[in-house]
Structures are given as C-alpha cells and as structure tokens.
Amino acid sequence: MEVKYTPHGEPGKTCAHCNFYTPKPDNPGKGDCFGHEVEGQGSCNQFQPKDA
C-alpha cells in the first residue's frame, strides 16, 4: 500500500476528518497516520471518513 500525501486536502476530506488520523494531544492540528507525522489539513489517497 502506497500512501500519497498532499499538504492541502479538499474540504471535508482532510486528515482531520479521516478515520486513520490520530491527533496529537497537545496539538490537534498535527497527528499521526500510517506511521507518519502529518498536518490535519492534509489528505492522502487512503482517505476514509471518520465514523459518525
């Protein structure tokens, strides 16, 4: 599985809205996804919306 990250995701399809994103407790604008530190405003080709 290849993750293709982009630093600016489409509205509603950002890392912050993704099921795989784990925000950092001290800074929810940054987090971890698939073992990489990412920005909450980014996105990638593996996007899965969070469960409501």
PDB file of N, CA and C in Angstrom:
ATOM      1  N   MET A   1       0.847  -1.169   0.000  1.00  0.00           N
ATOM      2  CA  MET A   1       0.000   0.000   0.000  1.00  0.00           C
ATOM      3  C   MET A   1       0.898   1.239   0.000  1.00  0.00           C
ATOM      4  N   GLU A   2       0.713   2.086  -0.997  1.00  0.00           N
ATOM      5  CA  GLU A   2       1.472   3.327  -1.090  1.00  0.00           C
ATOM      6  C   GLU A   2       0.570   4.496  -0.704  1.00  0.00           C
ATOM      7  N   VAL A   3       1.032   5.288   0.244  1.00  0.00           N
ATOM      8  CA  VAL A   3       0.273   6.452   0.697  1.00  0.00           C
ATOM      9  C   VAL A   3       0.831   7.675  -0.009  1.00  0.00           C
ATOM     10  N   LYS A   4      -0.028   8.363  -0.743  1.00  0.00           N
ATOM     11  CA  LYS A   4       0.372   9.582  -1.448  1.00  0.00           C
ATOM     12  C   LYS A   4      -0.252  10.770  -0.726  1.00  0.00           C
ATOM     13  N   TYR A   5       0.567  11.416   0.099  1.00  0.00           N
ATOM     14  CA  TYR A   5       0.133  12.528   0.943  1.00  0.00           C
ATOM     15  C   TYR A   5       0.209  13.849   0.185  1.00  0.00           C
ATOM     16  N   THR A   6      -0.749  14.723   0.423  1.00  0.00           N
ATOM     17  CA  THR A   6      -0.718  16.091  -0.080  1.00  0.00           C
ATOM     18  C   THR A   6      -0.948  17.024   1.115  1.00  0.00           C
ATOM     19  N   PRO A   7      -0.225  18.142   1.203  1.00  0.00           N
ATOM     20  CA  PRO A   7      -0.345  19.013   2.376  1.00  0.00           C
ATOM     21  C   PRO A   7      -1.651  19.795   2.481  1.00  0.00           C
ATOM     22  N   HIS A   8      -2.451  19.823   1.420  1.00  0.00           N
ATOM     23  CA  HIS A   8      -3.720  20.555   1.452  1.00  0.00           C
ATOM     24  C   HIS A   8      -4.819  19.689   0.854  1.00  0.00           C
ATOM     25  N   GLY A   9      -5.708  19.179   1.718  1.00  0.00           N
ATOM     26  CA  GLY A   9      -6.803  18.337   1.267  1.00  0.00           C
ATOM     27  C   GLY A   9      -8.033  19.129   0.887  1.00  0.00           C
ATOM     28  N   GLU A  10      -8.940  18.480   0.178  1.00  0.00           N
ATOM     29  CA  GLU A  10     -10.213  19.090  -0.188  1.00  0.00           C
ATOM     30  C   GLU A  10     -11.070  19.254   1.071  1.00  0.00           C
ATOM     31  N   PRO A  11     -11.949  20.257   1.104  1.00  0.00           N
ATOM     32  CA  PRO A  11     -12.833  20.432   2.264  1.00  0.00           C
ATOM     33  C   PRO A  11     -13.621  19.155   2.563  1.00  0.00           C
ATOM     34  N   GLY A  12     -13.602  18.736   3.820  1.00  0.00           N
ATOM     35  CA  GLY A  12     -14.304  17.528   4.236  1.00  0.00           C
ATOM     36  C   GLY A  12     -13.545  16.247   3.974  1.00  0.00           C
ATOM     37  N   LYS A  13     -12.388  16.327   3.320  1.00  0.00           N
ATOM     38  CA  LYS A  13     -11.578  15.144   3.024  1.00  0.00           C
ATOM     39  C   LYS A  13     -10.142  15.339   3.488  1.00  0.00           C
ATOM     40  N   THR A  14      -9.993  15.991   4.645  1.00  0.00           N
ATOM     41  CA  THR A  14      -8.663  16.226   5.180  1.00  0.00           C
ATOM     42  C   THR A  14      -8.297  15.144   6.187  1.00  0.00           C
ATOM     43  N   CYS A  15      -7.037  15.120   6.562  1.00  0.00           N
ATOM     44  CA  CYS A  15      -6.574  14.157   7.564  1.00  0.00           C
ATOM     45  C   CYS A  15      -7.404  14.255   8.845  1.00  0.00           C
ATOM     46  N   ALA A  16      -7.755  15.478   9.242  1.00  0.00           N
ATOM     47  CA  ALA A  16      -8.526  15.677  10.471  1.00  0.00           C
ATOM     48  C   ALA A  16      -9.891  15.000  10.405  1.00  0.00           C
ATOM     49  N   HIS A  17     -10.407  14.766   9.203  1.00  0.00           N
ATOM     50  CA  HIS A  17     -11.704  14.115   9.011  1.00  0.00           C
ATOM     51  C   HIS A  17     -11.566  12.618   8.711  1.00  0.00           C
ATOM     52  N   CYS A  18     -10.356  12.097   8.751  1.00  0.00           N
ATOM     53  CA  CYS A  18     -10.089  10.710   8.351  1.00  0.00           C
ATOM     54  C   CYS A  18     -10.043   9.748   9.543  1.00  0.00           C
ATOM     55  N   ASN A  19     -10.535   8.563   9.334  1.00  0.00           N
ATOM     56  CA  ASN A  19     -10.570   7.521  10.352  1.00  0.00           C
ATOM     57  C   ASN A  19      -9.162   7.078  10.776  1.00  0.00           C
ATOM     58  N   PHE A  20      -8.171   7.199   9.908  1.00  0.00           N
ATOM     59  CA  PHE A  20      -6.812   6.738  10.206  1.00  0.00           C
ATOM     60  C   PHE A  20      -5.966   7.777  10.954  1.00  0.00           C
ATOM     61  N   TYR A  21      -6.460   9.005  11.049  1.00  0.00           N
ATOM     62  CA  TYR A  21      -5.706  10.099  11.656  1.00  0.00           C
ATOM     63  C   TYR A  21      -5.842  10.085  13.172  1.00  0.00           C
ATOM     64  N   THR A  22      -4.707  10.188  13.867  1.00  0.00           N
ATOM     65  CA  THR A  22      -4.687  10.280  15.326  1.00  0.00           C
ATOM     66  C   THR A  22      -4.046  11.609  15.709  1.00  0.00           C
ATOM     67  N   PRO A  23      -4.855  12.579  16.156  1.00  0.00           N
ATOM     68  CA  PRO A  23      -4.287  13.887  16.504  1.00  0.00           C
ATOM     69  C   PRO A  23      -3.393  13.810  17.738  1.00  0.00           C
ATOM     70  N   LYS A  24      -2.417  14.694  17.770  1.00  0.00           N
ATOM     71  CA  LYS A  24      -1.543  14.779  18.945  1.00  0.00           C
ATOM     72  C   LYS A  24      -2.322  15.464  20.070  1.00  0.00           C
ATOM     73  N   PRO A  25      -2.214  14.977  21.300  1.00  0.00           N
ATOM     74  CA  PRO A  25      -2.976  15.550  22.413  1.00  0.00           C
ATOM     75  C   PRO A  25      -2.683  17.033  22.655  1.00  0.00           C
ATOM     76  N   ASP A  26      -1.453  17.458  22.426  1.00  0.00           N
ATOM     77  CA  ASP A  26      -1.073  18.846  22.683  1.00  0.00           C
ATOM     78  C   ASP A  26      -1.241  19.761  21.463  1.00  0.00           C
ATOM     79  N   ASN A  27      -1.541  19.179  20.287  1.00  0.00           N
ATOM     80  CA  ASN A  27      -1.698  19.982  19.068  1.00  0.00           C
ATOM     81  C   ASN A  27      -2.543  19.194  18.061  1.00  0.00           C
ATOM     82  N   PRO A  28      -3.868  19.326  18.111  1.00  0.00           N
ATOM     83  CA  PRO A  28      -4.737  18.546  17.229  1.00  0.00           C
ATOM     84  C   PRO A  28      -4.579  18.873  15.743  1.00  0.00           C
ATOM     85  N   GLY A  29      -3.858  19.965  15.412  1.00  0.00           N
ATOM     86  CA  GLY A  29      -3.594  20.308  14.013  1.00  0.00           C
ATOM     87  C   GLY A  29      -2.524  19.434  13.393  1.00  0.00           C
ATOM     88  N   LYS A  30      -1.834  18.657  14.218  1.00  0.00           N
ATOM     89  CA  LYS A  30      -0.826  17.702  13.747  1.00  0.00           C
ATOM     90  C   LYS A  30      -1.163  16.345  14.339  1.00  0.00           C
ATOM     91  N   GLY A  31      -0.761  15.306  13.644  1.00  0.00           N
ATOM     92  CA  GLY A  31      -1.045  13.980  14.146  1.00  0.00           C
ATOM     93  C   GLY A  31      -0.282  12.914  13.401  1.00  0.00           C
ATOM     94  N   ASP A  32      -0.666  11.681  13.636  1.00  0.00           N
ATOM     95  CA  ASP A  32      -0.010  10.536  13.020  1.00  0.00           C
ATOM     96  C   ASP A  32      -0.985   9.776  12.139  1.00  0.00           C
ATOM     97  N   CYS A  33      -0.462   9.266  11.039  1.00  0.00           N
ATOM     98  CA  CYS A  33      -1.249   8.465  10.114  1.00  0.00           C
ATOM     99  C   CYS A  33      -0.314   7.495   9.404  1.00  0.00           C
ATOM    100  N   PHE A  34      -0.618   6.228   9.485  1.00  0.00           N
ATOM    101  CA  PHE A  34       0.199   5.190   8.859  1.00  0.00           C
ATOM    102  C   PHE A  34       1.681   5.341   9.210  1.00  0.00           C
ATOM    103  N   GLY A  35       1.957   5.734  10.470  1.00  0.00           N
ATOM    104  CA  GLY A  35       3.335   5.825  10.942  1.00  0.00           C
ATOM    105  C   GLY A  35       4.060   7.093  10.541  1.00  0.00           C
ATOM    106  N   HIS A  36       3.352   8.079   9.975  1.00  0.00           N
ATOM    107  CA  HIS A  36       3.965   9.333   9.570  1.00  0.00           C
ATOM    108  C   HIS A  36       3.309  10.487  10.295  1.00  0.00           C
ATOM    109  N   GLU A  37       4.114  11.518  10.619  1.00  0.00           N
ATOM    110  CA  GLU A  37       3.535  12.730  11.183  1.00  0.00           C
ATOM    111  C   GLU A  37       2.973  13.552  10.031  1.00  0.00           C
ATOM    112  N   VAL A  38       1.724  13.969  10.165  1.00  0.00           N
ATOM    113  CA  VAL A  38       1.052  14.724   9.109  1.00  0.00           C
ATOM    114  C   VAL A  38       0.326  15.930   9.698  1.00  0.00           C
ATOM    115  N   GLU A  39      -0.042  16.859   8.831  1.00  0.00           N
ATOM    116  CA  GLU A  39      -0.835  18.023   9.200  1.00  0.00           C
ATOM    117  C   GLU A  39      -2.312  17.658   9.080  1.00  0.00           C
ATOM    118  N   GLY A  40      -3.134  18.169   9.986  1.00  0.00           N
ATOM    119  CA  GLY A  40      -4.564  17.904   9.946  1.00  0.00           C
ATOM    120  C   GLY A  40      -5.240  18.414   8.689  1.00  0.00           C
ATOM    121  N   GLN A  41      -4.658  19.426   8.045  1.00  0.00           N
ATOM    122  CA  GLN A  41      -5.243  19.999   6.838  1.00  0.00           C
ATOM    123  C   GLN A  41      -4.850  19.250   5.569  1.00  0.00           C
ATOM    124  N   GLY A  42      -3.966  18.272   5.681  1.00  0.00           N
ATOM    125  CA  GLY A  42      -3.535  17.499   4.523  1.00  0.00           C
ATOM    126  C   GLY A  42      -4.535  16.411   4.167  1.00  0.00           C
ATOM    127  N   SER A  43      -4.167  15.573   3.206  1.00  0.00           N
ATOM    128  CA  SER A  43      -5.007  14.450   2.799  1.00  0.00           C
ATOM    129  C   SER A  43      -4.135  13.441   2.064  1.00  0.00           C
ATOM    130  N   CYS A  44      -4.704  12.280   1.769  1.00  0.00           N
ATOM    131  CA  CYS A  44      -3.966  11.278   1.001  1.00  0.00           C
ATOM    132  C   CYS A  44      -4.945  10.374   0.259  1.00  0.00           C
ATOM    133  N   ASN A  45      -4.384   9.482  -0.542  1.00  0.00           N
ATOM    134  CA  ASN A  45      -5.183   8.587  -1.370  1.00  0.00           C
ATOM    135  C   ASN A  45      -5.832   7.450  -0.572  1.00  0.00           C
ATOM    136  N   GLN A  46      -5.570   7.349   0.713  1.00  0.00           N
ATOM    137  CA  GLN A  46      -6.154   6.304   1.550  1.00  0.00           C
ATOM    138  C   GLN A  46      -7.277   6.853   2.446  1.00  0.00           C
ATOM    139  N   PHE A  47      -7.773   8.063   2.150  1.00  0.00           N
ATOM    140  CA  PHE A  47      -8.775   8.728   2.984  1.00  0.00           C
ATOM    141  C   PHE A  47     -10.017   7.839   3.209  1.00  0.00           C
ATOM    142  N   GLN A  48     -10.404   7.729   4.484  1.00  0.00           N
ATOM    143  CA  GLN A  48     -11.631   7.050   4.891  1.00  0.00           C
ATOM    144  C   GLN A  48     -12.326   7.954   5.901  1.00  0.00           C
ATOM    145  N   PRO A  49     -13.571   8.389   5.623  1.00  0.00           N
ATOM    146  CA  PRO A  49     -14.229   9.306   6.559  1.00  0.00           C
ATOM    147  C   PRO A  49     -14.396   8.679   7.941  1.00  0.00           C
ATOM    148  N   LYS A  50     -14.282   9.523   8.978  1.00  0.00           N
ATOM    149  CA  LYS A  50     -14.475   9.050  10.348  1.00  0.00           C
ATOM    150  C   LYS A  50     -15.895   8.532  10.521  1.00  0.00           C
ATOM    151  N   ASP A  51     -16.022   7.538  11.376  1.00  0.00           N
ATOM    152  CA  ASP A  51     -17.351   7.017  11.716  1.00  0.00           C
ATOM    153  C   ASP A  51     -18.111   8.105  12.474  1.00  0.00           C
ATOM    154  N   ALA A  52     -19.326   8.306  12.115  1.00  0.00           N
ATOM    155  CA  ALA A  52     -20.137   9.365  12.752  1.00  0.00           C
ATOM    156  C   ALA A  52     -20.557   8.979  14.151  1.00  0.00           C
TER     157      ALA A  52
END
